[in-house]
Amino acid sequence: MNPPDMDGGDPDDDDDIGVELTEQGEEYAEESVGNSNGLEGIVRSLQPGGKPNLKLINVGLFSGRIEPREFDSKVRTWWAEFNSQLLGAQLRDNHRWNEIIMCSFLQASLTGDAAKWFNRLWSKSPHMTLKSAGQRLIRQYSTKIDEEEIRDRIKACTKQPSESYEMYSQKLQNQADSLPGGVQKRTNGKAALSAFVRTACPSRTEQLEYWVLTQKGQNKPAHLLDSLVELLGQLDKTDGVEVSLPTEFAEAPQKRFKGPTGGAYAATAATATVVDRKRKGKHGEARQPSKYGPFAPPPWVNENTQCFKCKGRGHIGRDPTCPKYKATTPLGNAVMKATTEDA
C-alpha cells in the first residue's frame, strides 16, 4: 500500500514522498540565487549610482563551517538572507549599486575559510557579478551528502519538547533548503512536510494527513507547512511547546526516619522520634532548664567565683540569690527597696 501523497497529488506518481531528483529547467544553484520574490526586476529598473552603505547589511558572517550534528553549512539560507538585505538596501537608496561594490559587501560578510576562498576567487575573476559569486559560493559550500540521504534524515527528524510548531516547521524547511532547489522543489518540500505531519503532534497525525490530502495539490509543500502550523495551533490551543516544572519545584519524596535496625519508622513513630530528639540536648544530655524554670548554676561555679554585679562570692550575676539580681529593672528595684526596708 502506497503512503498518502503529502501535497495532495496522485499517490502513485512518487515513491514514498517522491523520487524525482530533477525537474525541467532546474539548475544546481540557479534557483537558490533566484530573484528574491521579484525584487531584482525592480532594482534593475533603478538608476545606477547612489550611496552604498555596508551598515544596511546586518546579516551574520558566514564561515562555511558545519556545526556539530548538522549536515550542511546552511549556505543557501544565508545567501537568501544576504541577497534579500542587499536588494532592500538598494531600494531604500533608490539606486542600483555597482557590481564590484556589491561583491565587496559580500567579501565583508564572509569570515574564516569562506573569506579566504572568496579572496582567491575574486583575485582571479575581479569582474564577476554578484549573482555569479553567489552561485559559486553555494556550489562550494553545499553539502556533499547524497540528496536521498539528506531527505531520509529530514524524514527521520523529530520535534523537541522545547520547540514550538513554528520553530519545528522552520527547522525542517531550513534542512530542505540545503538540497539543490531548496524547499520550493517538490521532492525536498515533501520530505519536510512528511516529517512534520508524522511527528509534530502524533495524536493528530491522521487529521493532518487527511487535511493535506483534501488540498488536492493546490499549494506547494512549503505553503502547506505554514498552513499546518496555524491549523495545529487552532486544534491544540497551544504553540506546541511542552511546559515542564523546574526541578526545584518538583515534589521531593518525604524523608523517613530510620530505626535502630536501619528500617524506616512508621509515620507516627517517626513523629514521636522527632519530638523526643528536640527534648534532648547535645550528645543525649538533658537540656538546661529555661529561664522560666528553676535555676541551676553552671558546673564551673564554686565558692571562689565572683559575681560581676554585687562582687560577692559563690554565685554569678544571673543567680536569683544575688542581691542585685535584676536590680536594673523596675521589678528588681522594687525588690531591692523592699529588701532594704525589711532589713
C-alpha atoms as a PDB file:
ATOM      1  CA  MET A   1       0.000   0.000   0.000  1.00  0.00           C
ATOM      2  CA  ASN A   2       1.380   3.372  -1.030  1.00  0.00           C
ATOM      3  CA  PRO A   3       1.515   6.093   1.664  1.00  0.00           C
ATOM      4  CA  PRO A   4      -0.594   9.191   1.140  1.00  0.00           C
ATOM      5  CA  ASP A   5       0.874  11.866  -1.102  1.00  0.00           C
ATOM      6  CA  MET A   6       1.808  14.766   1.152  1.00  0.00           C
ATOM      7  CA  ASP A   7       0.931  17.509  -1.329  1.00  0.00           C
ATOM      8  CA  GLY A   8      -2.469  16.125  -2.257  1.00  0.00           C
ATOM      9  CA  GLY A   9      -1.490  14.766  -5.705  1.00  0.00           C
ATOM     10  CA  ASP A  10      -1.687  11.268  -7.131  1.00  0.00           C
ATOM     11  CA  PRO A  11      -0.090   8.897  -4.612  1.00  0.00           C
ATOM     12  CA  ASP A  12       1.262   6.719  -7.443  1.00  0.00           C
ATOM     13  CA  ASP A  13       3.358   9.417  -9.106  1.00  0.00           C
ATOM     14  CA  ASP A  14       6.029   9.219  -6.377  1.00  0.00           C
ATOM     15  CA  ASP A  15       7.663   6.559  -4.272  1.00  0.00           C
ATOM     16  CA  ASP A  16       7.120   7.349  -0.567  1.00  0.00           C
ATOM     17  CA  ILE A  17       7.340  11.136  -0.568  1.00  0.00           C
ATOM     18  CA  GLY A  18       8.816  11.462  -4.057  1.00  0.00           C
ATOM     19  CA  VAL A  19      11.842  10.308  -6.009  1.00  0.00           C
ATOM     20  CA  GLU A  20      12.041  12.981  -8.690  1.00  0.00           C
ATOM     21  CA  LEU A  21      15.561  14.324  -8.414  1.00  0.00           C
ATOM     22  CA  THR A  22      15.452  16.790 -11.293  1.00  0.00           C
ATOM     23  CA  GLU A  23      12.782  18.885 -12.959  1.00  0.00           C
ATOM     24  CA  GLN A  24      12.547  20.716 -16.280  1.00  0.00           C
ATOM     25  CA  GLY A  25      14.783  23.790 -16.458  1.00  0.00           C
ATOM     26  CA  GLU A  26      16.298  23.294 -12.998  1.00  0.00           C
ATOM     27  CA  GLU A  27      19.983  24.077 -12.393  1.00  0.00           C
ATOM     28  CA  TYR A  28      22.123  23.258  -9.398  1.00  0.00           C
ATOM     29  CA  ALA A  29      22.437  26.760  -7.980  1.00  0.00           C
ATOM     30  CA  GLU A  30      20.225  28.973 -10.152  1.00  0.00           C
ATOM     31  CA  GLU A  31      17.087  28.549  -8.078  1.00  0.00           C
ATOM     32  CA  SER A  32      18.903  29.252  -4.838  1.00  0.00           C
ATOM     33  CA  VAL A  33      20.302  32.540  -6.137  1.00  0.00           C
ATOM     34  CA  GLY A  34      16.865  33.381  -7.528  1.00  0.00           C
ATOM     35  CA  ASN A  35      15.235  36.765  -7.844  1.00  0.00           C
ATOM     36  CA  SER A  36      14.143  37.239  -4.208  1.00  0.00           C
ATOM     37  CA  ASN A  37      10.430  37.378  -4.949  1.00  0.00           C
ATOM     38  CA  GLY A  38      10.842  39.625  -7.996  1.00  0.00           C
ATOM     39  CA  LEU A  39      12.818  42.349  -6.222  1.00  0.00           C
ATOM     40  CA  GLU A  40      15.705  42.033  -8.674  1.00  0.00           C
ATOM     41  CA  GLY A  41      13.479  43.219 -11.507  1.00  0.00           C
ATOM     42  CA  ILE A  42      12.524  46.316  -9.526  1.00  0.00           C
ATOM     43  CA  VAL A  43      16.154  47.026  -8.595  1.00  0.00           C
ATOM     44  CA  ARG A  44      17.267  46.688 -12.234  1.00  0.00           C
ATOM     45  CA  SER A  45      14.845  49.469 -13.163  1.00  0.00           C
ATOM     46  CA  LEU A  46      16.519  51.905 -10.750  1.00  0.00           C
ATOM     47  CA  GLN A  47      19.113  54.448 -11.808  1.00  0.00           C
ATOM     48  CA  PRO A  48      22.729  53.390 -11.170  1.00  0.00           C
ATOM     49  CA  GLY A  49      24.754  55.199  -8.537  1.00  0.00           C
ATOM     50  CA  GLY A  50      23.566  56.124  -5.078  1.00  0.00           C
ATOM     51  CA  LYS A  51      25.448  55.871  -1.798  1.00  0.00           C
ATOM     52  CA  PRO A  52      26.189  52.225  -0.998  1.00  0.00           C
ATOM     53  CA  ASN A  53      26.244  51.643   2.751  1.00  0.00           C
ATOM     54  CA  LEU A  54      27.508  48.413   4.299  1.00  0.00           C
ATOM     55  CA  LYS A  55      25.777  49.292   7.585  1.00  0.00           C
ATOM     56  CA  LEU A  56      22.452  48.470   5.923  1.00  0.00           C
ATOM     57  CA  ILE A  57      23.589  44.822   5.636  1.00  0.00           C
ATOM     58  CA  ASN A  58      23.371  43.208   9.088  1.00  0.00           C
ATOM     59  CA  VAL A  59      23.321  39.515   8.189  1.00  0.00           C
ATOM     60  CA  GLY A  60      25.631  37.364  10.308  1.00  0.00           C
ATOM     61  CA  LEU A  61      29.073  36.492   8.995  1.00  0.00           C
ATOM     62  CA  PHE A  62      29.272  33.240   7.015  1.00  0.00           C
ATOM     63  CA  SER A  63      32.258  30.978   7.664  1.00  0.00           C
ATOM     64  CA  GLY A  64      31.236  27.844   5.765  1.00  0.00           C
ATOM     65  CA  ARG A  65      31.602  25.793   8.951  1.00  0.00           C
ATOM     66  CA  ILE A  66      29.263  22.863   9.532  1.00  0.00           C
ATOM     67  CA  GLU A  67      28.038  22.809  13.120  1.00  0.00           C
ATOM     68  CA  PRO A  68      28.134  19.564  15.141  1.00  0.00           C
ATOM     69  CA  ARG A  69      25.241  17.181  14.381  1.00  0.00           C
ATOM     70  CA  GLU A  70      24.421  19.176  11.229  1.00  0.00           C
ATOM     71  CA  PHE A  71      24.911  18.017   7.655  1.00  0.00           C
ATOM     72  CA  ASP A  72      25.033  21.407   5.952  1.00  0.00           C
ATOM     73  CA  SER A  73      26.631  24.830   6.394  1.00  0.00           C
ATOM     74  CA  LYS A  74      23.240  26.471   5.627  1.00  0.00           C
ATOM     75  CA  VAL A  75      24.834  28.396   2.783  1.00  0.00           C
ATOM     76  CA  ARG A  76      21.576  28.621   0.806  1.00  0.00           C
ATOM     77  CA  THR A  77      19.673  30.076   3.751  1.00  0.00           C
ATOM     78  CA  TRP A  78      22.475  32.539   4.438  1.00  0.00           C
ATOM     79  CA  TRP A  79      22.710  33.617   0.807  1.00  0.00           C
ATOM     80  CA  ALA A  80      18.957  34.174   0.566  1.00  0.00           C
ATOM     81  CA  GLU A  81      19.109  36.465   3.623  1.00  0.00           C
ATOM     82  CA  PHE A  82      22.162  38.360   2.361  1.00  0.00           C
ATOM     83  CA  ASN A  83      20.730  38.854  -1.133  1.00  0.00           C
ATOM     84  CA  SER A  84      17.373  39.979   0.261  1.00  0.00           C
ATOM     85  CA  GLN A  85      19.009  42.564   2.527  1.00  0.00           C
ATOM     86  CA  LEU A  86      21.176  43.826  -0.325  1.00  0.00           C
ATOM     87  CA  LEU A  87      18.161  44.304  -2.592  1.00  0.00           C
ATOM     88  CA  GLY A  88      16.252  46.051   0.185  1.00  0.00           C
ATOM     89  CA  ALA A  89      19.178  48.404   0.831  1.00  0.00           C
ATOM     90  CA  GLN A  90      19.247  49.409  -2.852  1.00  0.00           C
ATOM     91  CA  LEU A  91      15.513  50.050  -2.805  1.00  0.00           C
ATOM     92  CA  ARG A  92      15.881  52.311   0.238  1.00  0.00           C
ATOM     93  CA  ASP A  93      18.710  54.156  -1.516  1.00  0.00           C
ATOM     94  CA  ASN A  94      16.561  54.337  -4.680  1.00  0.00           C
ATOM     95  CA  HIS A  95      19.609  53.456  -6.792  1.00  0.00           C
ATOM     96  CA  ARG A  96      21.160  50.354  -8.317  1.00  0.00           C
ATOM     97  CA  TRP A  97      24.605  49.731  -6.914  1.00  0.00           C
ATOM     98  CA  ASN A  98      27.723  48.753  -8.817  1.00  0.00           C
ATOM     99  CA  GLU A  99      28.500  45.017  -9.103  1.00  0.00           C
ATOM    100  CA  ILE A 100      32.037  45.431  -7.785  1.00  0.00           C
ATOM    101  CA  ILE A 101      30.783  47.293  -4.720  1.00  0.00           C
ATOM    102  CA  MET A 102      28.198  44.583  -4.035  1.00  0.00           C
ATOM    103  CA  CYS A 103      30.901  41.909  -4.332  1.00  0.00           C
ATOM    104  CA  SER A 104      32.950  43.873  -1.802  1.00  0.00           C
ATOM    105  CA  PHE A 105      29.932  43.790   0.529  1.00  0.00           C
ATOM    106  CA  LEU A 106      29.820  40.017   0.060  1.00  0.00           C
ATOM    107  CA  GLN A 107      33.513  39.825   0.892  1.00  0.00           C
ATOM    108  CA  ALA A 108      32.949  41.835   4.089  1.00  0.00           C
ATOM    109  CA  SER A 109      30.149  39.434   5.110  1.00  0.00           C
ATOM    110  CA  LEU A 110      32.373  36.338   4.966  1.00  0.00           C
ATOM    111  CA  THR A 111      34.800  35.091   7.582  1.00  0.00           C
ATOM    112  CA  GLY A 112      37.165  32.203   8.197  1.00  0.00           C
ATOM    113  CA  ASP A 113      37.670  29.688   5.396  1.00  0.00           C
ATOM    114  CA  ALA A 114      34.845  31.182   3.336  1.00  0.00           C
ATOM    115  CA  ALA A 115      36.543  34.598   3.302  1.00  0.00           C
ATOM    116  CA  LYS A 116      39.883  33.083   2.268  1.00  0.00           C
ATOM    117  CA  TRP A 117      38.216  31.084  -0.502  1.00  0.00           C
ATOM    118  CA  PHE A 118      36.366  34.133  -1.849  1.00  0.00           C
ATOM    119  CA  ASN A 119      39.509  36.283  -1.805  1.00  0.00           C
ATOM    120  CA  ARG A 120      41.268  33.746  -4.035  1.00  0.00           C
ATOM    121  CA  LEU A 121      38.249  33.556  -6.330  1.00  0.00           C
ATOM    122  CA  TRP A 122      37.867  37.328  -6.607  1.00  0.00           C
ATOM    123  CA  SER A 123      41.546  37.866  -7.360  1.00  0.00           C
ATOM    124  CA  LYS A 124      41.190  35.505 -10.349  1.00  0.00           C
ATOM    125  CA  SER A 125      37.838  36.946 -11.515  1.00  0.00           C
ATOM    126  CA  PRO A 126      37.735  40.605 -10.404  1.00  0.00           C
ATOM    127  CA  HIS A 127      34.858  41.489 -12.773  1.00  0.00           C
ATOM    128  CA  MET A 128      32.433  38.738 -11.812  1.00  0.00           C
ATOM    129  CA  THR A 129      28.854  39.715 -10.956  1.00  0.00           C
ATOM    130  CA  LEU A 130      27.247  39.274  -7.559  1.00  0.00           C
ATOM    131  CA  LYS A 131      24.916  36.604  -8.944  1.00  0.00           C
ATOM    132  CA  SER A 132      27.860  34.617 -10.270  1.00  0.00           C
ATOM    133  CA  ALA A 133      29.644  34.976  -6.930  1.00  0.00           C
ATOM    134  CA  GLY A 134      26.552  33.705  -5.126  1.00  0.00           C
ATOM    135  CA  GLN A 135      26.272  30.677  -7.405  1.00  0.00           C
ATOM    136  CA  ARG A 136      29.911  29.767  -6.809  1.00  0.00           C
ATOM    137  CA  LEU A 137      29.565  30.257  -3.055  1.00  0.00           C
ATOM    138  CA  ILE A 138      26.577  27.918  -2.925  1.00  0.00           C
ATOM    139  CA  ARG A 139      28.307  25.352  -5.109  1.00  0.00           C
ATOM    140  CA  GLN A 140      31.431  25.476  -2.925  1.00  0.00           C
ATOM    141  CA  TYR A 141      29.743  25.123   0.464  1.00  0.00           C
ATOM    142  CA  SER A 142      26.706  22.995  -0.329  1.00  0.00           C
ATOM    143  CA  THR A 143      26.576  19.645   1.399  1.00  0.00           C
ATOM    144  CA  LYS A 144      28.358  16.770  -0.292  1.00  0.00           C
ATOM    145  CA  ILE A 145      25.997  14.200   1.197  1.00  0.00           C
ATOM    146  CA  ASP A 146      23.757  12.368  -1.264  1.00  0.00           C
ATOM    147  CA  GLU A 147      20.369  14.031  -1.787  1.00  0.00           C
ATOM    148  CA  GLU A 148      18.406  10.905  -0.920  1.00  0.00           C
ATOM    149  CA  GLU A 149      20.390  10.535   2.300  1.00  0.00           C
ATOM    150  CA  ILE A 150      19.515  14.106   3.290  1.00  0.00           C
ATOM    151  CA  ARG A 151      15.839  13.524   2.527  1.00  0.00           C
ATOM    152  CA  ASP A 152      15.909  10.391   4.674  1.00  0.00           C
ATOM    153  CA  ARG A 153      17.433  12.380   7.535  1.00  0.00           C
ATOM    154  CA  ILE A 154      14.765  15.050   7.186  1.00  0.00           C
ATOM    155  CA  LYS A 155      12.002  12.435   7.270  1.00  0.00           C
ATOM    156  CA  ALA A 156      13.545  10.909  10.418  1.00  0.00           C
ATOM    157  CA  CYS A 157      13.646  14.270  12.203  1.00  0.00           C
ATOM    158  CA  THR A 158      11.637  14.601  15.439  1.00  0.00           C
ATOM    159  CA  LYS A 159      10.231  17.579  17.306  1.00  0.00           C
ATOM    160  CA  GLN A 160      11.922  18.553  20.572  1.00  0.00           C
ATOM    161  CA  PRO A 161       9.732  19.358  23.621  1.00  0.00           C
ATOM    162  CA  SER A 162      11.161  22.890  23.778  1.00  0.00           C
ATOM    163  CA  GLU A 163      10.305  23.618  20.126  1.00  0.00           C
ATOM    164  CA  SER A 164       7.097  25.294  19.049  1.00  0.00           C
ATOM    165  CA  TYR A 165       5.272  24.165  15.921  1.00  0.00           C
ATOM    166  CA  GLU A 166       6.608  27.235  14.116  1.00  0.00           C
ATOM    167  CA  MET A 167      10.208  26.538  15.186  1.00  0.00           C
ATOM    168  CA  TYR A 168       9.943  22.892  14.147  1.00  0.00           C
ATOM    169  CA  SER A 169       8.472  23.804  10.755  1.00  0.00           C
ATOM    170  CA  GLN A 170      11.246  26.339  10.164  1.00  0.00           C
ATOM    171  CA  LYS A 171      13.914  23.805  11.141  1.00  0.00           C
ATOM    172  CA  LEU A 172      12.579  21.309   8.603  1.00  0.00           C
ATOM    173  CA  GLN A 173      12.416  23.957   5.878  1.00  0.00           C
ATOM    174  CA  ASN A 174      15.993  25.038   6.618  1.00  0.00           C
ATOM    175  CA  GLN A 175      17.135  21.438   6.267  1.00  0.00           C
ATOM    176  CA  ALA A 176      15.281  21.116   2.973  1.00  0.00           C
ATOM    177  CA  ASP A 177      16.968  24.320   1.794  1.00  0.00           C
ATOM    178  CA  SER A 178      20.315  22.525   1.980  1.00  0.00           C
ATOM    179  CA  LEU A 179      19.274  20.497  -1.074  1.00  0.00           C
ATOM    180  CA  PRO A 180      19.531  21.757  -4.679  1.00  0.00           C
ATOM    181  CA  GLY A 181      16.355  23.650  -5.458  1.00  0.00           C
ATOM    182  CA  GLY A 182      15.697  24.321  -1.779  1.00  0.00           C
ATOM    183  CA  VAL A 183      12.395  23.761  -0.021  1.00  0.00           C
ATOM    184  CA  GLN A 184      10.487  25.062  -3.047  1.00  0.00           C
ATOM    185  CA  LYS A 185      11.467  21.969  -5.016  1.00  0.00           C
ATOM    186  CA  ARG A 186       8.619  19.483  -4.725  1.00  0.00           C
ATOM    187  CA  THR A 187      10.553  16.435  -3.528  1.00  0.00           C
ATOM    188  CA  ASN A 188      12.507  18.454  -0.960  1.00  0.00           C
ATOM    189  CA  GLY A 189       9.424  20.157   0.421  1.00  0.00           C
ATOM    190  CA  LYS A 190       7.552  16.864   0.646  1.00  0.00           C
ATOM    191  CA  ALA A 191      10.289  15.367   2.825  1.00  0.00           C
ATOM    192  CA  ALA A 192       9.899  18.235   5.298  1.00  0.00           C
ATOM    193  CA  LEU A 193       6.104  18.047   5.103  1.00  0.00           C
ATOM    194  CA  SER A 194       6.124  14.299   5.761  1.00  0.00           C
ATOM    195  CA  ALA A 195       8.257  14.694   8.900  1.00  0.00           C
ATOM    196  CA  PHE A 196       6.045  17.493  10.238  1.00  0.00           C
ATOM    197  CA  VAL A 197       2.794  15.594   9.691  1.00  0.00           C
ATOM    198  CA  ARG A 198       4.167  12.454  11.351  1.00  0.00           C
ATOM    199  CA  THR A 199       5.989  13.908  14.375  1.00  0.00           C
ATOM    200  CA  ALA A 200       4.755  17.451  15.125  1.00  0.00           C
ATOM    201  CA  CYS A 201       1.756  16.129  17.066  1.00  0.00           C
ATOM    202  CA  PRO A 202       1.492  12.307  16.895  1.00  0.00           C
ATOM    203  CA  SER A 203      -2.023  12.311  18.365  1.00  0.00           C
ATOM    204  CA  ARG A 204      -3.272  14.338  15.388  1.00  0.00           C
ATOM    205  CA  THR A 205      -1.289  12.691  12.588  1.00  0.00           C
ATOM    206  CA  GLU A 206      -4.380  11.219  10.924  1.00  0.00           C
ATOM    207  CA  GLN A 207      -6.174  14.568  10.994  1.00  0.00           C
ATOM    208  CA  LEU A 208      -3.187  16.307   9.425  1.00  0.00           C
ATOM    209  CA  GLU A 209      -2.802  13.649   6.732  1.00  0.00           C
ATOM    210  CA  TYR A 210      -6.478  13.953   5.837  1.00  0.00           C
ATOM    211  CA  TRP A 211      -6.243  17.740   5.686  1.00  0.00           C
ATOM    212  CA  VAL A 212      -3.211  17.580   3.372  1.00  0.00           C
ATOM    213  CA  LEU A 213      -4.986  15.156   1.044  1.00  0.00           C
ATOM    214  CA  THR A 214      -8.003  17.480   0.802  1.00  0.00           C
ATOM    215  CA  GLN A 215      -5.808  20.233  -0.649  1.00  0.00           C
ATOM    216  CA  LYS A 216      -5.539  18.267  -3.944  1.00  0.00           C
ATOM    217  CA  GLY A 217      -2.176  19.739  -4.898  1.00  0.00           C
ATOM    218  CA  GLN A 218      -3.388  23.334  -4.761  1.00  0.00           C
ATOM    219  CA  ASN A 219      -0.345  24.502  -2.779  1.00  0.00           C
ATOM    220  CA  LYS A 220       3.334  23.626  -2.633  1.00  0.00           C
ATOM    221  CA  PRO A 221       4.597  21.655   0.386  1.00  0.00           C
ATOM    222  CA  ALA A 222       6.270  24.766   1.821  1.00  0.00           C
ATOM    223  CA  HIS A 223       2.930  26.607   1.809  1.00  0.00           C
ATOM    224  CA  LEU A 224       1.189  23.594   3.325  1.00  0.00           C
ATOM    225  CA  LEU A 225       3.713  23.574   6.171  1.00  0.00           C
ATOM    226  CA  ASP A 226       2.836  27.153   7.076  1.00  0.00           C
ATOM    227  CA  SER A 227      -0.866  26.304   6.978  1.00  0.00           C
ATOM    228  CA  LEU A 228      -0.346  23.219   9.155  1.00  0.00           C
ATOM    229  CA  VAL A 229       1.364  25.308  11.839  1.00  0.00           C
ATOM    230  CA  GLU A 230      -1.693  27.549  12.045  1.00  0.00           C
ATOM    231  CA  LEU A 231      -4.057  24.561  11.958  1.00  0.00           C
ATOM    232  CA  LEU A 232      -2.270  22.771  14.810  1.00  0.00           C
ATOM    233  CA  GLY A 233      -2.350  25.919  16.908  1.00  0.00           C
ATOM    234  CA  GLN A 234      -6.116  26.124  16.477  1.00  0.00           C
ATOM    235  CA  LEU A 235      -6.627  22.448  17.290  1.00  0.00           C
ATOM    236  CA  ASP A 236      -4.355  22.258  20.349  1.00  0.00           C
ATOM    237  CA  LYS A 237      -4.833  25.827  21.619  1.00  0.00           C
ATOM    238  CA  THR A 238      -1.051  25.905  22.209  1.00  0.00           C
ATOM    239  CA  ASP A 239       2.094  26.762  20.273  1.00  0.00           C
ATOM    240  CA  GLY A 240       3.455  23.231  20.726  1.00  0.00           C
ATOM    241  CA  VAL A 241       5.981  23.924  23.487  1.00  0.00           C
ATOM    242  CA  GLU A 242       5.749  21.327  26.259  1.00  0.00           C
ATOM    243  CA  VAL A 243       5.996  23.108  29.616  1.00  0.00           C
ATOM    244  CA  SER A 244       7.579  21.191  32.492  1.00  0.00           C
ATOM    245  CA  LEU A 245       8.075  22.290  36.098  1.00  0.00           C
ATOM    246  CA  PRO A 246      11.643  23.215  37.087  1.00  0.00           C
ATOM    247  CA  THR A 247      13.395  20.656  39.240  1.00  0.00           C
ATOM    248  CA  GLU A 248      13.340  22.949  42.269  1.00  0.00           C
ATOM    249  CA  PHE A 249       9.527  22.943  42.195  1.00  0.00           C
ATOM    250  CA  ALA A 250       9.182  19.202  41.751  1.00  0.00           C
ATOM    251  CA  GLU A 251       7.790  17.439  44.801  1.00  0.00           C
ATOM    252  CA  ALA A 252      10.622  15.701  46.616  1.00  0.00           C
ATOM    253  CA  PRO A 253       9.974  12.359  48.340  1.00  0.00           C
ATOM    254  CA  GLN A 254       9.333  12.705  52.059  1.00  0.00           C
ATOM    255  CA  LYS A 255      12.267  11.675  54.216  1.00  0.00           C
ATOM    256  CA  ARG A 256      11.576   8.770  56.550  1.00  0.00           C
ATOM    257  CA  PHE A 257      13.455   8.369  59.823  1.00  0.00           C
ATOM    258  CA  LYS A 258      15.285   5.097  60.368  1.00  0.00           C
ATOM    259  CA  GLY A 259      15.113   2.986  63.485  1.00  0.00           C
ATOM    260  CA  PRO A 260      17.954   1.209  65.321  1.00  0.00           C
ATOM    261  CA  THR A 261      17.843  -1.722  62.893  1.00  0.00           C
ATOM    262  CA  GLY A 262      18.048   0.513  59.815  1.00  0.00           C
ATOM    263  CA  GLY A 263      14.400   0.149  58.813  1.00  0.00           C
ATOM    264  CA  ALA A 264      12.109   3.131  58.420  1.00  0.00           C
ATOM    265  CA  TYR A 265       9.804   4.060  61.276  1.00  0.00           C
ATOM    266  CA  ALA A 266       6.081   4.213  60.763  1.00  0.00           C
ATOM    267  CA  ALA A 267       4.720   7.747  60.327  1.00  0.00           C
ATOM    268  CA  THR A 268       3.518   8.058  63.949  1.00  0.00           C
ATOM    269  CA  ALA A 269       6.727   6.591  65.353  1.00  0.00           C
ATOM    270  CA  ALA A 270       8.818   8.941  63.213  1.00  0.00           C
ATOM    271  CA  THR A 271       6.907  11.943  64.548  1.00  0.00           C
ATOM    272  CA  ALA A 272       7.458  10.786  68.122  1.00  0.00           C
ATOM    273  CA  THR A 273      11.166  10.376  67.394  1.00  0.00           C
ATOM    274  CA  VAL A 274      11.426  13.961  66.175  1.00  0.00           C
ATOM    275  CA  VAL A 275       9.724  15.279  69.304  1.00  0.00           C
ATOM    276  CA  ASP A 276      11.977  13.184  71.523  1.00  0.00           C
ATOM    277  CA  ARG A 277      15.100  14.452  69.756  1.00  0.00           C
ATOM    278  CA  LYS A 278      14.014  18.042  70.288  1.00  0.00           C
ATOM    279  CA  ARG A 279      13.756  17.409  74.017  1.00  0.00           C
ATOM    280  CA  LYS A 280      17.282  16.084  74.207  1.00  0.00           C
ATOM    281  CA  GLY A 281      20.367  18.229  74.429  1.00  0.00           C
ATOM    282  CA  LYS A 282      23.693  17.750  72.765  1.00  0.00           C
ATOM    283  CA  HIS A 283      25.043  14.188  72.843  1.00  0.00           C
ATOM    284  CA  GLY A 284      21.857  12.963  74.521  1.00  0.00           C
ATOM    285  CA  GLU A 285      22.302  15.105  77.677  1.00  0.00           C
ATOM    286  CA  ALA A 286      19.335  16.849  79.258  1.00  0.00           C
ATOM    287  CA  ARG A 287      18.901  20.455  78.232  1.00  0.00           C
ATOM    288  CA  GLN A 288      19.417  23.295  80.698  1.00  0.00           C
ATOM    289  CA  PRO A 289      16.127  24.493  82.177  1.00  0.00           C
ATOM    290  CA  SER A 290      14.778  27.565  80.512  1.00  0.00           C
ATOM    291  CA  LYS A 291      14.941  30.998  82.155  1.00  0.00           C
ATOM    292  CA  TYR A 292      11.385  30.489  83.324  1.00  0.00           C
ATOM    293  CA  GLY A 293      12.244  27.307  85.261  1.00  0.00           C
ATOM    294  CA  PRO A 294      14.451  26.570  88.324  1.00  0.00           C
ATOM    295  CA  PHE A 295      17.953  27.971  88.009  1.00  0.00           C
ATOM    296  CA  ALA A 296      20.887  25.559  88.156  1.00  0.00           C
ATOM    297  CA  PRO A 297      24.357  27.150  88.381  1.00  0.00           C
ATOM    298  CA  PRO A 298      26.892  26.010  85.778  1.00  0.00           C
ATOM    299  CA  PRO A 299      29.362  23.356  86.941  1.00  0.00           C
ATOM    300  CA  TRP A 300      32.290  25.778  86.880  1.00  0.00           C
ATOM    301  CA  VAL A 301      30.756  27.969  89.648  1.00  0.00           C
ATOM    302  CA  ASN A 302      32.401  27.385  93.056  1.00  0.00           C
ATOM    303  CA  GLU A 303      32.855  29.252  96.331  1.00  0.00           C
ATOM    304  CA  ASN A 304      35.565  31.448  94.844  1.00  0.00           C
ATOM    305  CA  THR A 305      33.522  32.588  91.845  1.00  0.00           C
ATOM    306  CA  GLN A 306      32.963  36.351  91.995  1.00  0.00           C
ATOM    307  CA  CYS A 307      29.658  37.897  90.878  1.00  0.00           C
ATOM    308  CA  PHE A 308      30.165  40.800  88.467  1.00  0.00           C
ATOM    309  CA  LYS A 309      27.059  42.571  89.800  1.00  0.00           C
ATOM    310  CA  CYS A 310      27.367  42.516  93.560  1.00  0.00           C
ATOM    311  CA  LYS A 311      31.063  41.499  93.693  1.00  0.00           C
ATOM    312  CA  GLY A 312      30.067  38.741  96.082  1.00  0.00           C
ATOM    313  CA  ARG A 313      31.456  35.202  96.113  1.00  0.00           C
ATOM    314  CA  GLY A 314      29.920  31.813  95.334  1.00  0.00           C
ATOM    315  CA  HIS A 315      27.396  32.818  92.683  1.00  0.00           C
ATOM    316  CA  ILE A 316      27.026  34.579  89.317  1.00  0.00           C
ATOM    317  CA  GLY A 317      25.012  37.595  88.155  1.00  0.00           C
ATOM    318  CA  ARG A 318      22.040  35.645  86.860  1.00  0.00           C
ATOM    319  CA  ASP A 319      21.700  33.635  90.043  1.00  0.00           C
ATOM    320  CA  PRO A 320      18.424  34.633  91.784  1.00  0.00           C
ATOM    321  CA  THR A 321      20.307  34.540  95.115  1.00  0.00           C
ATOM    322  CA  CYS A 322      22.411  37.513  94.004  1.00  0.00           C
ATOM    323  CA  PRO A 323      21.402  40.664  95.974  1.00  0.00           C
ATOM    324  CA  LYS A 324      21.480  42.670  92.756  1.00  0.00           C
ATOM    325  CA  TYR A 325      19.648  40.109  90.597  1.00  0.00           C
ATOM    326  CA  LYS A 326      17.539  42.128  88.112  1.00  0.00           C
ATOM    327  CA  ALA A 327      18.346  45.255  90.076  1.00  0.00           C
ATOM    328  CA  THR A 328      18.312  47.394  86.949  1.00  0.00           C
ATOM    329  CA  THR A 329      14.695  46.566  86.126  1.00  0.00           C
ATOM    330  CA  PRO A 330      11.662  48.219  87.739  1.00  0.00           C
ATOM    331  CA  LEU A 331      10.762  44.912  89.330  1.00  0.00           C
ATOM    332  CA  GLY A 332      14.286  44.432  90.554  1.00  0.00           C
ATOM    333  CA  ASN A 333      14.406  47.938  92.023  1.00  0.00           C
ATOM    334  CA  ALA A 334      11.153  47.302  93.878  1.00  0.00           C
ATOM    335  CA  VAL A 335      12.512  44.018  95.225  1.00  0.00           C
ATOM    336  CA  MET A 336      15.726  45.672  96.378  1.00  0.00           C
ATOM    337  CA  LYS A 337      13.801  48.501  98.012  1.00  0.00           C
ATOM    338  CA  ALA A 338      11.517  46.093  99.826  1.00  0.00           C
ATOM    339  CA  THR A 339      14.513  44.043 100.963  1.00  0.00           C
ATOM    340  CA  THR A 340      16.251  47.142 102.277  1.00  0.00           C
ATOM    341  CA  GLU A 341      13.162  48.330 104.153  1.00  0.00           C
ATOM    342  CA  ASP A 342      12.692  44.914 105.760  1.00  0.00           C
ATOM    343  CA  ALA A 343      16.281  44.959 106.851  1.00  0.00           C
END
